[in-house]
N, C-alpha and C. Protein backbone atom coordinates (compact mmCIF):
# COMPACT_ATOMS: atom_id res chain seq x y z
N UNK A 1 4.44 3.46 6.28
CA UNK A 1 5.32 3.59 5.12
C UNK A 1 6.45 4.54 5.51
N UNK A 2 7.64 4.14 5.15
CA UNK A 2 8.80 4.97 5.49
C UNK A 2 8.81 6.24 4.63
N UNK A 3 9.47 7.29 5.10
CA UNK A 3 9.54 8.53 4.31
C UNK A 3 10.19 8.30 2.93
N UNK A 4 11.20 7.42 2.87
CA UNK A 4 11.85 7.15 1.58
C UNK A 4 10.88 6.48 0.61
N UNK A 5 10.12 5.54 1.13
CA UNK A 5 9.15 4.85 0.28
C UNK A 5 8.07 5.83 -0.20
N UNK A 6 7.64 6.70 0.69
CA UNK A 6 6.63 7.70 0.32
C UNK A 6 7.16 8.61 -0.78
N UNK A 7 8.39 9.05 -0.66
CA UNK A 7 9.00 9.92 -1.69
C UNK A 7 9.05 9.18 -3.03
N UNK A 8 9.46 7.92 -2.99
CA UNK A 8 9.51 7.13 -4.23
C UNK A 8 8.13 6.96 -4.86
N UNK A 9 7.13 6.73 -4.04
CA UNK A 9 5.76 6.59 -4.55
C UNK A 9 5.30 7.91 -5.18
N UNK A 10 5.58 9.02 -4.53
CA UNK A 10 5.18 10.32 -5.07
C UNK A 10 5.91 10.63 -6.38
N UNK A 11 7.20 10.32 -6.44
CA UNK A 11 7.96 10.53 -7.69
C UNK A 11 7.38 9.67 -8.80
N UNK A 12 7.07 8.41 -8.49
CA UNK A 12 6.48 7.51 -9.49
C UNK A 12 5.13 8.04 -9.97
N UNK A 13 4.32 8.55 -9.05
CA UNK A 13 3.01 9.08 -9.42
C UNK A 13 3.14 10.30 -10.33
N UNK A 14 4.08 11.16 -10.02
CA UNK A 14 4.30 12.36 -10.86
C UNK A 14 4.81 11.94 -12.23
N UNK A 15 5.77 11.02 -12.27
CA UNK A 15 6.30 10.55 -13.56
C UNK A 15 5.20 9.90 -14.40
N UNK A 16 4.34 9.13 -13.74
CA UNK A 16 3.24 8.46 -14.45
C UNK A 16 2.26 9.49 -15.02
N UNK A 17 1.91 10.46 -14.22
CA UNK A 17 1.00 11.51 -14.68
C UNK A 17 1.61 12.30 -15.84
N UNK A 18 2.89 12.64 -15.73
CA UNK A 18 3.56 13.38 -16.80
C UNK A 18 3.63 12.56 -18.09
N UNK A 19 3.89 11.26 -17.96
CA UNK A 19 3.92 10.40 -19.16
C UNK A 19 2.56 10.40 -19.84
N UNK A 20 1.49 10.27 -19.06
CA UNK A 20 0.15 10.26 -19.65
C UNK A 20 -0.20 11.61 -20.27
N UNK A 21 0.22 12.68 -19.64
CA UNK A 21 0.00 14.01 -20.22
C UNK A 21 0.73 14.11 -21.56
N UNK A 22 1.97 13.65 -21.60
CA UNK A 22 2.74 13.67 -22.85
C UNK A 22 2.09 12.76 -23.90
N UNK A 23 1.62 11.59 -23.48
CA UNK A 23 0.99 10.65 -24.42
C UNK A 23 -0.26 11.26 -25.04
N UNK A 24 -1.01 12.00 -24.28
CA UNK A 24 -2.21 12.65 -24.80
C UNK A 24 -1.84 13.76 -25.78
N UNK A 25 -0.73 14.43 -25.55
CA UNK A 25 -0.35 15.59 -26.36
C UNK A 25 0.38 15.23 -27.65
N UNK A 26 0.71 13.95 -27.84
CA UNK A 26 1.42 13.55 -29.06
C UNK A 26 0.47 13.74 -30.24
N UNK A 27 0.79 14.67 -31.13
CA UNK A 27 -0.15 14.98 -32.22
C UNK A 27 -0.16 13.92 -33.32
N UNK A 28 0.98 13.33 -33.57
CA UNK A 28 1.07 12.36 -34.65
C UNK A 28 1.89 11.16 -34.18
N UNK A 29 1.60 10.02 -34.75
CA UNK A 29 2.36 8.81 -34.51
C UNK A 29 2.53 8.48 -33.03
N UNK A 30 1.40 8.32 -32.36
CA UNK A 30 1.41 7.98 -30.94
C UNK A 30 2.05 6.62 -30.69
N UNK A 31 1.93 5.72 -31.66
CA UNK A 31 2.54 4.39 -31.51
C UNK A 31 4.07 4.53 -31.41
N UNK A 32 4.65 5.42 -32.19
CA UNK A 32 6.09 5.65 -32.12
C UNK A 32 6.48 6.20 -30.75
N UNK A 33 5.67 7.07 -30.19
CA UNK A 33 5.92 7.61 -28.86
C UNK A 33 5.98 6.49 -27.83
N UNK A 34 4.97 5.60 -27.87
CA UNK A 34 4.93 4.48 -26.93
C UNK A 34 6.13 3.56 -27.15
N UNK A 35 6.46 3.28 -28.42
CA UNK A 35 7.58 2.41 -28.73
C UNK A 35 8.88 2.99 -28.19
N UNK A 36 9.08 4.28 -28.39
CA UNK A 36 10.29 4.93 -27.89
C UNK A 36 10.36 4.87 -26.36
N UNK A 37 9.23 5.00 -25.71
CA UNK A 37 9.19 4.89 -24.26
C UNK A 37 9.61 3.49 -23.81
N UNK A 38 9.08 2.48 -24.50
CA UNK A 38 9.43 1.10 -24.16
C UNK A 38 10.91 0.84 -24.42
N UNK A 39 11.42 1.32 -25.55
CA UNK A 39 12.84 1.14 -25.86
C UNK A 39 13.70 1.83 -24.81
N UNK A 40 13.36 3.04 -24.45
CA UNK A 40 14.11 3.76 -23.42
C UNK A 40 14.11 3.03 -22.09
N UNK A 41 12.95 2.49 -21.73
CA UNK A 41 12.86 1.72 -20.48
C UNK A 41 13.71 0.47 -20.54
N UNK A 42 13.68 -0.21 -21.69
CA UNK A 42 14.48 -1.44 -21.85
C UNK A 42 15.98 -1.12 -21.75
N UNK A 43 16.39 -0.05 -22.39
CA UNK A 43 17.81 0.34 -22.34
C UNK A 43 18.22 0.66 -20.90
N UNK A 44 17.36 1.30 -20.16
CA UNK A 44 17.64 1.66 -18.78
C UNK A 44 17.72 0.42 -17.87
N UNK A 45 16.76 -0.48 -18.01
CA UNK A 45 16.64 -1.59 -17.07
C UNK A 45 17.38 -2.86 -17.46
N UNK A 46 17.71 -3.05 -18.73
CA UNK A 46 18.35 -4.29 -19.18
C UNK A 46 19.67 -4.57 -18.45
N UNK A 47 20.58 -3.61 -18.35
CA UNK A 47 21.84 -3.91 -17.63
C UNK A 47 21.61 -4.32 -16.17
N UNK A 48 20.65 -3.69 -15.53
CA UNK A 48 20.36 -4.01 -14.14
C UNK A 48 19.81 -5.43 -14.04
N UNK A 49 18.92 -5.81 -14.96
CA UNK A 49 18.36 -7.16 -14.94
C UNK A 49 19.43 -8.21 -15.22
N UNK A 50 20.32 -7.92 -16.14
CA UNK A 50 21.41 -8.87 -16.45
C UNK A 50 22.29 -9.08 -15.22
N UNK A 51 22.64 -8.00 -14.56
CA UNK A 51 23.47 -8.10 -13.35
C UNK A 51 22.74 -8.91 -12.28
N UNK A 52 21.44 -8.66 -12.11
CA UNK A 52 20.66 -9.38 -11.10
C UNK A 52 20.61 -10.87 -11.41
N UNK A 53 20.33 -11.23 -12.66
CA UNK A 53 20.26 -12.64 -13.04
C UNK A 53 21.62 -13.30 -12.86
N UNK A 54 22.67 -12.62 -13.29
CA UNK A 54 24.03 -13.16 -13.18
C UNK A 54 24.45 -13.31 -11.72
N UNK A 55 24.24 -12.24 -10.96
CA UNK A 55 24.69 -12.21 -9.58
C UNK A 55 23.94 -13.22 -8.70
N UNK A 56 22.65 -13.40 -8.95
CA UNK A 56 21.85 -14.33 -8.15
C UNK A 56 21.89 -15.76 -8.69
N UNK A 57 22.57 -15.96 -9.82
CA UNK A 57 22.66 -17.30 -10.39
C UNK A 57 21.32 -17.85 -10.86
N UNK A 58 20.46 -16.96 -11.32
CA UNK A 58 19.13 -17.36 -11.78
C UNK A 58 19.26 -17.98 -13.17
N UNK A 59 18.54 -19.08 -13.38
CA UNK A 59 18.57 -19.77 -14.68
C UNK A 59 17.24 -19.59 -15.39
N UNK A 60 17.19 -18.69 -16.37
CA UNK A 60 15.95 -18.53 -17.14
C UNK A 60 15.59 -19.84 -17.86
N UNK A 61 14.30 -20.04 -18.10
CA UNK A 61 13.86 -21.21 -18.84
C UNK A 61 12.75 -20.82 -19.81
N UNK A 62 12.20 -21.79 -20.51
CA UNK A 62 11.20 -21.53 -21.54
C UNK A 62 9.95 -20.85 -20.98
N UNK A 63 9.60 -21.15 -19.74
CA UNK A 63 8.40 -20.51 -19.16
C UNK A 63 8.57 -19.00 -19.10
N UNK A 64 9.80 -18.52 -18.92
CA UNK A 64 10.05 -17.08 -18.92
C UNK A 64 9.66 -16.47 -20.26
N UNK A 65 10.06 -17.13 -21.32
CA UNK A 65 9.77 -16.61 -22.66
C UNK A 65 8.27 -16.58 -22.93
N UNK A 66 7.58 -17.66 -22.58
CA UNK A 66 6.13 -17.70 -22.80
C UNK A 66 5.41 -16.66 -21.96
N UNK A 67 5.80 -16.53 -20.70
CA UNK A 67 5.20 -15.52 -19.83
C UNK A 67 5.51 -14.12 -20.36
N UNK A 68 6.73 -13.91 -20.81
CA UNK A 68 7.12 -12.61 -21.37
C UNK A 68 6.36 -12.26 -22.63
N UNK A 69 6.12 -13.26 -23.47
CA UNK A 69 5.33 -13.02 -24.69
C UNK A 69 3.91 -12.58 -24.36
N UNK A 70 3.32 -13.22 -23.37
CA UNK A 70 1.96 -12.83 -22.99
C UNK A 70 1.92 -11.43 -22.38
N UNK A 71 2.85 -11.13 -21.47
CA UNK A 71 2.84 -9.79 -20.88
C UNK A 71 3.13 -8.73 -21.93
N UNK A 72 4.02 -9.03 -22.88
CA UNK A 72 4.29 -8.07 -23.96
C UNK A 72 3.04 -7.84 -24.79
N UNK A 73 2.30 -8.90 -25.06
CA UNK A 73 1.05 -8.77 -25.82
C UNK A 73 0.04 -7.93 -25.04
N UNK A 74 -0.14 -8.25 -23.75
CA UNK A 74 -1.10 -7.50 -22.93
C UNK A 74 -0.72 -6.03 -22.80
N UNK A 75 0.57 -5.75 -22.61
CA UNK A 75 1.01 -4.36 -22.47
C UNK A 75 0.93 -3.60 -23.80
N UNK A 76 1.18 -4.28 -24.90
CA UNK A 76 1.05 -3.63 -26.20
C UNK A 76 -0.41 -3.29 -26.47
N UNK A 77 -1.31 -4.23 -26.19
CA UNK A 77 -2.74 -3.95 -26.36
C UNK A 77 -3.18 -2.79 -25.47
N UNK A 78 -2.70 -2.79 -24.24
CA UNK A 78 -3.00 -1.68 -23.32
C UNK A 78 -2.56 -0.35 -23.93
N UNK A 79 -1.33 -0.31 -24.44
CA UNK A 79 -0.80 0.93 -25.01
C UNK A 79 -1.62 1.40 -26.20
N UNK A 80 -1.99 0.48 -27.06
CA UNK A 80 -2.79 0.84 -28.24
C UNK A 80 -4.19 1.31 -27.85
N UNK A 81 -4.80 0.63 -26.89
CA UNK A 81 -6.14 1.03 -26.43
C UNK A 81 -6.07 2.41 -25.77
N UNK A 82 -5.08 2.61 -24.91
CA UNK A 82 -4.93 3.91 -24.24
C UNK A 82 -4.72 5.03 -25.25
N UNK A 83 -3.81 4.82 -26.20
CA UNK A 83 -3.54 5.86 -27.19
C UNK A 83 -4.78 6.17 -28.02
N UNK A 84 -5.55 5.14 -28.36
CA UNK A 84 -6.78 5.40 -29.11
C UNK A 84 -7.77 6.17 -28.23
N UNK A 85 -7.83 5.80 -26.96
CA UNK A 85 -8.70 6.53 -26.04
C UNK A 85 -8.33 8.00 -25.95
N UNK A 86 -7.04 8.28 -25.90
CA UNK A 86 -6.59 9.66 -25.86
C UNK A 86 -6.88 10.38 -27.18
N UNK A 87 -6.88 9.64 -28.28
CA UNK A 87 -7.16 10.26 -29.58
C UNK A 87 -8.63 10.66 -29.70
N UNK A 88 -9.53 9.91 -29.08
CA UNK A 88 -10.96 10.18 -29.25
C UNK A 88 -11.61 10.83 -28.04
N UNK A 89 -10.93 10.83 -26.89
CA UNK A 89 -11.52 11.37 -25.67
C UNK A 89 -10.58 12.30 -24.93
N UNK A 90 -11.12 12.96 -23.95
CA UNK A 90 -10.35 13.90 -23.14
C UNK A 90 -9.51 13.15 -22.10
N UNK A 91 -8.33 13.67 -21.83
CA UNK A 91 -7.44 13.11 -20.81
C UNK A 91 -8.15 13.03 -19.47
N UNK A 92 -8.88 14.09 -19.12
CA UNK A 92 -9.54 14.14 -17.80
C UNK A 92 -10.73 13.19 -17.70
N UNK A 93 -11.05 12.49 -18.76
CA UNK A 93 -12.10 11.48 -18.74
C UNK A 93 -11.49 10.08 -18.88
N UNK A 94 -10.65 9.90 -19.88
CA UNK A 94 -10.06 8.58 -20.16
C UNK A 94 -9.16 8.13 -19.02
N UNK A 95 -8.26 8.99 -18.58
CA UNK A 95 -7.28 8.61 -17.56
C UNK A 95 -7.93 8.16 -16.25
N UNK A 96 -8.81 8.96 -15.65
CA UNK A 96 -9.38 8.50 -14.37
C UNK A 96 -10.24 7.25 -14.52
N UNK A 97 -10.96 7.13 -15.63
CA UNK A 97 -11.76 5.92 -15.81
C UNK A 97 -10.87 4.69 -15.95
N UNK A 98 -9.80 4.83 -16.69
CA UNK A 98 -8.86 3.70 -16.84
C UNK A 98 -8.28 3.33 -15.49
N UNK A 99 -7.83 4.33 -14.74
CA UNK A 99 -7.18 4.07 -13.46
C UNK A 99 -8.16 3.65 -12.37
N UNK A 100 -9.44 3.91 -12.55
CA UNK A 100 -10.45 3.43 -11.60
C UNK A 100 -10.96 2.05 -11.96
N UNK A 101 -11.16 1.80 -13.25
CA UNK A 101 -11.68 0.51 -13.70
C UNK A 101 -10.66 -0.60 -13.48
N UNK A 102 -9.40 -0.34 -13.79
CA UNK A 102 -8.37 -1.37 -13.66
C UNK A 102 -8.30 -1.97 -12.27
N UNK A 103 -8.11 -1.16 -11.24
CA UNK A 103 -8.06 -1.72 -9.88
C UNK A 103 -9.38 -2.36 -9.43
N UNK A 104 -10.50 -1.77 -9.84
CA UNK A 104 -11.79 -2.33 -9.45
C UNK A 104 -11.97 -3.74 -10.03
N UNK A 105 -11.69 -3.91 -11.30
CA UNK A 105 -11.83 -5.22 -11.94
C UNK A 105 -10.80 -6.19 -11.36
N UNK A 106 -9.58 -5.73 -11.15
CA UNK A 106 -8.55 -6.58 -10.57
C UNK A 106 -8.99 -7.08 -9.20
N UNK A 107 -9.49 -6.20 -8.38
CA UNK A 107 -9.94 -6.58 -7.05
C UNK A 107 -11.11 -7.56 -7.12
N UNK A 108 -12.07 -7.31 -8.00
CA UNK A 108 -13.23 -8.19 -8.13
C UNK A 108 -12.80 -9.59 -8.57
N UNK A 109 -11.93 -9.68 -9.56
CA UNK A 109 -11.45 -10.99 -10.03
C UNK A 109 -10.67 -11.70 -8.92
N UNK A 110 -9.83 -10.96 -8.22
CA UNK A 110 -9.03 -11.56 -7.15
C UNK A 110 -9.93 -12.13 -6.04
N UNK A 111 -10.99 -11.43 -5.72
CA UNK A 111 -11.89 -11.88 -4.66
C UNK A 111 -12.78 -13.03 -5.15
N UNK A 112 -13.40 -12.85 -6.32
CA UNK A 112 -14.39 -13.82 -6.80
C UNK A 112 -13.74 -15.10 -7.32
N UNK A 113 -12.69 -14.96 -8.13
CA UNK A 113 -12.13 -16.12 -8.81
C UNK A 113 -10.86 -16.67 -8.18
N UNK A 114 -10.10 -15.82 -7.50
CA UNK A 114 -8.83 -16.27 -6.94
C UNK A 114 -8.90 -16.53 -5.44
N UNK A 115 -10.07 -16.25 -4.86
CA UNK A 115 -10.27 -16.54 -3.45
C UNK A 115 -9.51 -15.66 -2.48
N UNK A 116 -9.08 -14.50 -2.93
CA UNK A 116 -8.36 -13.61 -2.02
C UNK A 116 -9.35 -12.98 -1.03
N UNK A 117 -8.86 -12.77 0.15
CA UNK A 117 -9.66 -12.17 1.22
C UNK A 117 -9.30 -10.70 1.36
N UNK A 118 -10.33 -9.88 1.50
CA UNK A 118 -10.13 -8.45 1.69
C UNK A 118 -10.99 -8.05 2.88
N UNK A 119 -10.42 -7.27 3.78
CA UNK A 119 -11.20 -6.80 4.94
C UNK A 119 -12.27 -5.82 4.45
N UNK A 120 -13.31 -5.70 5.23
CA UNK A 120 -14.37 -4.76 4.90
C UNK A 120 -13.83 -3.34 4.80
N UNK A 121 -12.91 -3.00 5.68
CA UNK A 121 -12.29 -1.67 5.67
C UNK A 121 -11.54 -1.44 4.36
N UNK A 122 -10.76 -2.42 3.91
CA UNK A 122 -10.02 -2.30 2.65
C UNK A 122 -10.97 -2.22 1.47
N UNK A 123 -12.02 -3.01 1.50
CA UNK A 123 -13.01 -2.99 0.41
C UNK A 123 -13.71 -1.64 0.33
N UNK A 124 -14.11 -1.11 1.47
CA UNK A 124 -14.75 0.22 1.48
C UNK A 124 -13.78 1.30 1.02
N UNK A 125 -12.53 1.19 1.42
CA UNK A 125 -11.52 2.16 0.97
C UNK A 125 -11.33 2.12 -0.53
N UNK A 126 -11.24 0.92 -1.09
CA UNK A 126 -11.07 0.78 -2.55
C UNK A 126 -12.28 1.32 -3.29
N UNK A 127 -13.46 1.00 -2.80
CA UNK A 127 -14.68 1.48 -3.46
C UNK A 127 -14.82 3.00 -3.35
N UNK A 128 -14.37 3.57 -2.25
CA UNK A 128 -14.39 5.03 -2.09
C UNK A 128 -13.46 5.70 -3.10
N UNK A 129 -12.27 5.13 -3.27
CA UNK A 129 -11.33 5.68 -4.25
C UNK A 129 -11.93 5.60 -5.66
N UNK A 130 -12.50 4.46 -5.99
CA UNK A 130 -13.10 4.28 -7.32
C UNK A 130 -14.27 5.26 -7.51
N UNK A 131 -15.09 5.40 -6.48
CA UNK A 131 -16.21 6.35 -6.57
C UNK A 131 -15.69 7.77 -6.79
N UNK A 132 -14.62 8.14 -6.10
CA UNK A 132 -14.03 9.46 -6.29
C UNK A 132 -13.52 9.66 -7.71
N UNK A 133 -12.91 8.63 -8.26
CA UNK A 133 -12.42 8.71 -9.64
C UNK A 133 -13.58 8.89 -10.60
N UNK A 134 -14.67 8.15 -10.37
CA UNK A 134 -15.83 8.29 -11.26
C UNK A 134 -16.45 9.69 -11.16
N UNK A 135 -16.48 10.24 -9.97
CA UNK A 135 -17.01 11.60 -9.80
C UNK A 135 -16.13 12.60 -10.54
N UNK A 136 -14.82 12.43 -10.42
CA UNK A 136 -13.89 13.33 -11.13
C UNK A 136 -14.09 13.21 -12.63
N UNK A 137 -14.20 11.98 -13.12
CA UNK A 137 -14.28 11.75 -14.56
C UNK A 137 -15.62 12.15 -15.14
N UNK A 138 -16.69 11.79 -14.45
CA UNK A 138 -18.02 11.98 -15.04
C UNK A 138 -18.75 13.20 -14.52
N UNK A 139 -18.36 13.71 -13.37
CA UNK A 139 -19.07 14.85 -12.81
C UNK A 139 -20.46 14.44 -12.37
N UNK A 140 -21.38 15.33 -12.50
CA UNK A 140 -22.75 15.07 -12.06
C UNK A 140 -23.63 14.47 -13.14
N UNK A 141 -23.15 14.47 -14.35
CA UNK A 141 -24.01 14.02 -15.45
C UNK A 141 -23.34 12.93 -16.25
N UNK A 142 -24.16 12.12 -16.86
CA UNK A 142 -23.64 11.10 -17.75
C UNK A 142 -23.23 11.76 -19.06
N UNK A 143 -22.25 11.19 -19.75
CA UNK A 143 -21.80 11.80 -21.00
C UNK A 143 -22.89 11.74 -22.06
N UNK A 144 -23.05 12.85 -22.78
CA UNK A 144 -24.06 12.89 -23.84
C UNK A 144 -23.45 13.08 -25.22
N UNK A 145 -22.32 13.76 -25.31
CA UNK A 145 -21.71 13.96 -26.62
C UNK A 145 -21.01 12.68 -27.06
N UNK A 146 -20.85 12.55 -28.36
CA UNK A 146 -20.18 11.37 -28.90
C UNK A 146 -18.75 11.26 -28.38
N UNK A 147 -18.05 12.39 -28.31
CA UNK A 147 -16.68 12.40 -27.83
C UNK A 147 -16.60 11.90 -26.39
N UNK A 148 -17.51 12.37 -25.55
CA UNK A 148 -17.50 11.94 -24.14
C UNK A 148 -17.89 10.47 -24.02
N UNK A 149 -18.84 10.02 -24.82
CA UNK A 149 -19.21 8.60 -24.79
C UNK A 149 -18.04 7.73 -25.22
N UNK A 150 -17.33 8.15 -26.27
CA UNK A 150 -16.16 7.39 -26.71
C UNK A 150 -15.07 7.41 -25.64
N UNK A 151 -14.91 8.54 -24.97
CA UNK A 151 -13.94 8.63 -23.89
C UNK A 151 -14.25 7.64 -22.77
N UNK A 152 -15.53 7.51 -22.44
CA UNK A 152 -15.95 6.56 -21.41
C UNK A 152 -15.66 5.13 -21.87
N UNK A 153 -16.04 4.80 -23.09
CA UNK A 153 -15.83 3.44 -23.61
C UNK A 153 -14.35 3.09 -23.62
N UNK A 154 -13.53 3.98 -24.17
CA UNK A 154 -12.10 3.68 -24.27
C UNK A 154 -11.39 3.78 -22.93
N UNK A 155 -11.88 4.62 -22.02
CA UNK A 155 -11.32 4.65 -20.67
C UNK A 155 -11.57 3.34 -19.94
N UNK A 156 -12.79 2.83 -20.06
CA UNK A 156 -13.11 1.54 -19.43
C UNK A 156 -12.35 0.41 -20.11
N UNK A 157 -12.24 0.45 -21.43
CA UNK A 157 -11.47 -0.58 -22.15
C UNK A 157 -10.01 -0.57 -21.70
N UNK A 158 -9.46 0.61 -21.50
CA UNK A 158 -8.09 0.72 -21.00
C UNK A 158 -7.99 0.10 -19.61
N UNK A 159 -8.97 0.40 -18.76
CA UNK A 159 -8.99 -0.19 -17.41
C UNK A 159 -9.06 -1.71 -17.45
N UNK A 160 -9.83 -2.26 -18.37
CA UNK A 160 -9.90 -3.72 -18.50
C UNK A 160 -8.56 -4.30 -18.94
N UNK A 161 -7.87 -3.58 -19.82
CA UNK A 161 -6.55 -4.06 -20.24
C UNK A 161 -5.54 -3.96 -19.09
N UNK A 162 -5.67 -2.94 -18.25
CA UNK A 162 -4.82 -2.82 -17.07
C UNK A 162 -5.06 -4.00 -16.13
N UNK A 163 -6.32 -4.33 -15.91
CA UNK A 163 -6.65 -5.47 -15.05
C UNK A 163 -6.07 -6.76 -15.62
N UNK A 164 -6.13 -6.91 -16.93
CA UNK A 164 -5.61 -8.13 -17.57
C UNK A 164 -4.12 -8.28 -17.32
N UNK A 165 -3.34 -7.24 -17.62
CA UNK A 165 -1.89 -7.41 -17.42
C UNK A 165 -1.54 -7.47 -15.94
N UNK A 166 -2.29 -6.79 -15.09
CA UNK A 166 -2.01 -6.85 -13.65
C UNK A 166 -2.22 -8.26 -13.11
N UNK A 167 -3.34 -8.88 -13.47
CA UNK A 167 -3.62 -10.23 -12.99
C UNK A 167 -2.61 -11.24 -13.55
N UNK A 168 -2.26 -11.08 -14.84
CA UNK A 168 -1.29 -11.99 -15.44
C UNK A 168 0.08 -11.82 -14.78
N UNK A 169 0.53 -10.60 -14.63
CA UNK A 169 1.84 -10.35 -14.04
C UNK A 169 1.91 -10.86 -12.60
N UNK A 170 0.82 -10.70 -11.86
CA UNK A 170 0.77 -11.23 -10.50
C UNK A 170 0.92 -12.75 -10.52
N UNK A 171 0.22 -13.41 -11.43
CA UNK A 171 0.31 -14.87 -11.56
C UNK A 171 1.74 -15.30 -11.87
N UNK A 172 2.37 -14.60 -12.79
CA UNK A 172 3.73 -14.96 -13.21
C UNK A 172 4.71 -14.83 -12.04
N UNK A 173 4.62 -13.75 -11.31
CA UNK A 173 5.58 -13.50 -10.23
C UNK A 173 5.30 -14.38 -9.00
N UNK A 174 4.02 -14.57 -8.67
CA UNK A 174 3.71 -15.33 -7.45
C UNK A 174 3.60 -16.83 -7.68
N UNK A 175 2.94 -17.23 -8.75
CA UNK A 175 2.72 -18.67 -8.98
C UNK A 175 3.85 -19.31 -9.78
N UNK A 176 4.29 -18.65 -10.84
CA UNK A 176 5.37 -19.21 -11.65
C UNK A 176 6.74 -18.88 -11.07
N UNK A 177 6.76 -17.96 -10.12
CA UNK A 177 7.96 -17.56 -9.40
C UNK A 177 9.08 -17.05 -10.31
N UNK A 178 8.69 -16.32 -11.34
CA UNK A 178 9.68 -15.67 -12.20
C UNK A 178 10.03 -14.34 -11.54
N UNK A 179 11.31 -14.06 -11.35
CA UNK A 179 11.72 -12.82 -10.67
C UNK A 179 11.17 -11.59 -11.39
N UNK A 180 10.62 -10.64 -10.62
CA UNK A 180 9.93 -9.49 -11.22
C UNK A 180 10.76 -8.64 -12.17
N UNK A 181 11.97 -8.26 -11.79
CA UNK A 181 12.74 -7.35 -12.64
C UNK A 181 13.14 -7.99 -13.97
N UNK A 182 13.71 -9.20 -13.97
CA UNK A 182 14.02 -9.81 -15.27
C UNK A 182 12.76 -10.03 -16.12
N UNK A 183 11.67 -10.38 -15.47
CA UNK A 183 10.39 -10.57 -16.18
C UNK A 183 9.92 -9.26 -16.82
N UNK A 184 10.00 -8.19 -16.06
CA UNK A 184 9.62 -6.87 -16.56
C UNK A 184 10.45 -6.48 -17.78
N UNK A 185 11.76 -6.69 -17.68
CA UNK A 185 12.66 -6.34 -18.78
C UNK A 185 12.41 -7.22 -20.00
N UNK A 186 12.18 -8.52 -19.77
CA UNK A 186 11.86 -9.40 -20.88
C UNK A 186 10.60 -8.94 -21.60
N UNK A 187 9.59 -8.53 -20.83
CA UNK A 187 8.37 -7.99 -21.44
C UNK A 187 8.65 -6.75 -22.27
N UNK A 188 9.50 -5.87 -21.77
CA UNK A 188 9.87 -4.67 -22.53
C UNK A 188 10.56 -5.05 -23.82
N UNK A 189 11.52 -5.97 -23.75
CA UNK A 189 12.25 -6.39 -24.95
C UNK A 189 11.33 -7.02 -25.99
N UNK A 190 10.36 -7.79 -25.53
CA UNK A 190 9.45 -8.45 -26.47
C UNK A 190 8.41 -7.47 -27.04
N UNK A 191 8.17 -6.40 -26.34
CA UNK A 191 7.27 -5.37 -26.89
C UNK A 191 7.92 -4.70 -28.09
């Protein structure tokens, strides 16, 4: 990975972590917080997507709208599930479980149902990361308090919603061949 790519990945990781920290700290009207985030993202990315579509001579069609409606639905459900998880559970439990469950389920579906091949080394690496996330989230003991149990349930539910939109978005970009940036912006607008 080039140094520039590494810097971009690190900036994205920090921005993502800060957004989740802010989302957890929203005392009232978390839905408005998420909505404002989506609107801000749409305002930022819409001009760039329009220029890209115009400049590349891309012709949107009805499949774009249908795909965008589904991704908007999946992302909205994800946001609502995550916000509820943050309302009933601790950030240090919900977040790592969501971020561990999502990739694990995505990888399992890709291997079992989509026929993707993964090397043993890659599989062991992914499982090691997921195991580390579970250790961070759960520690040495299983959750016993109601709050911790709810955090586990909603963290895993968030992870399942992440897997859902990840698999759908991958299908749209690779199989339906809808360009990623215009598709992303359309999803934001429909949210």
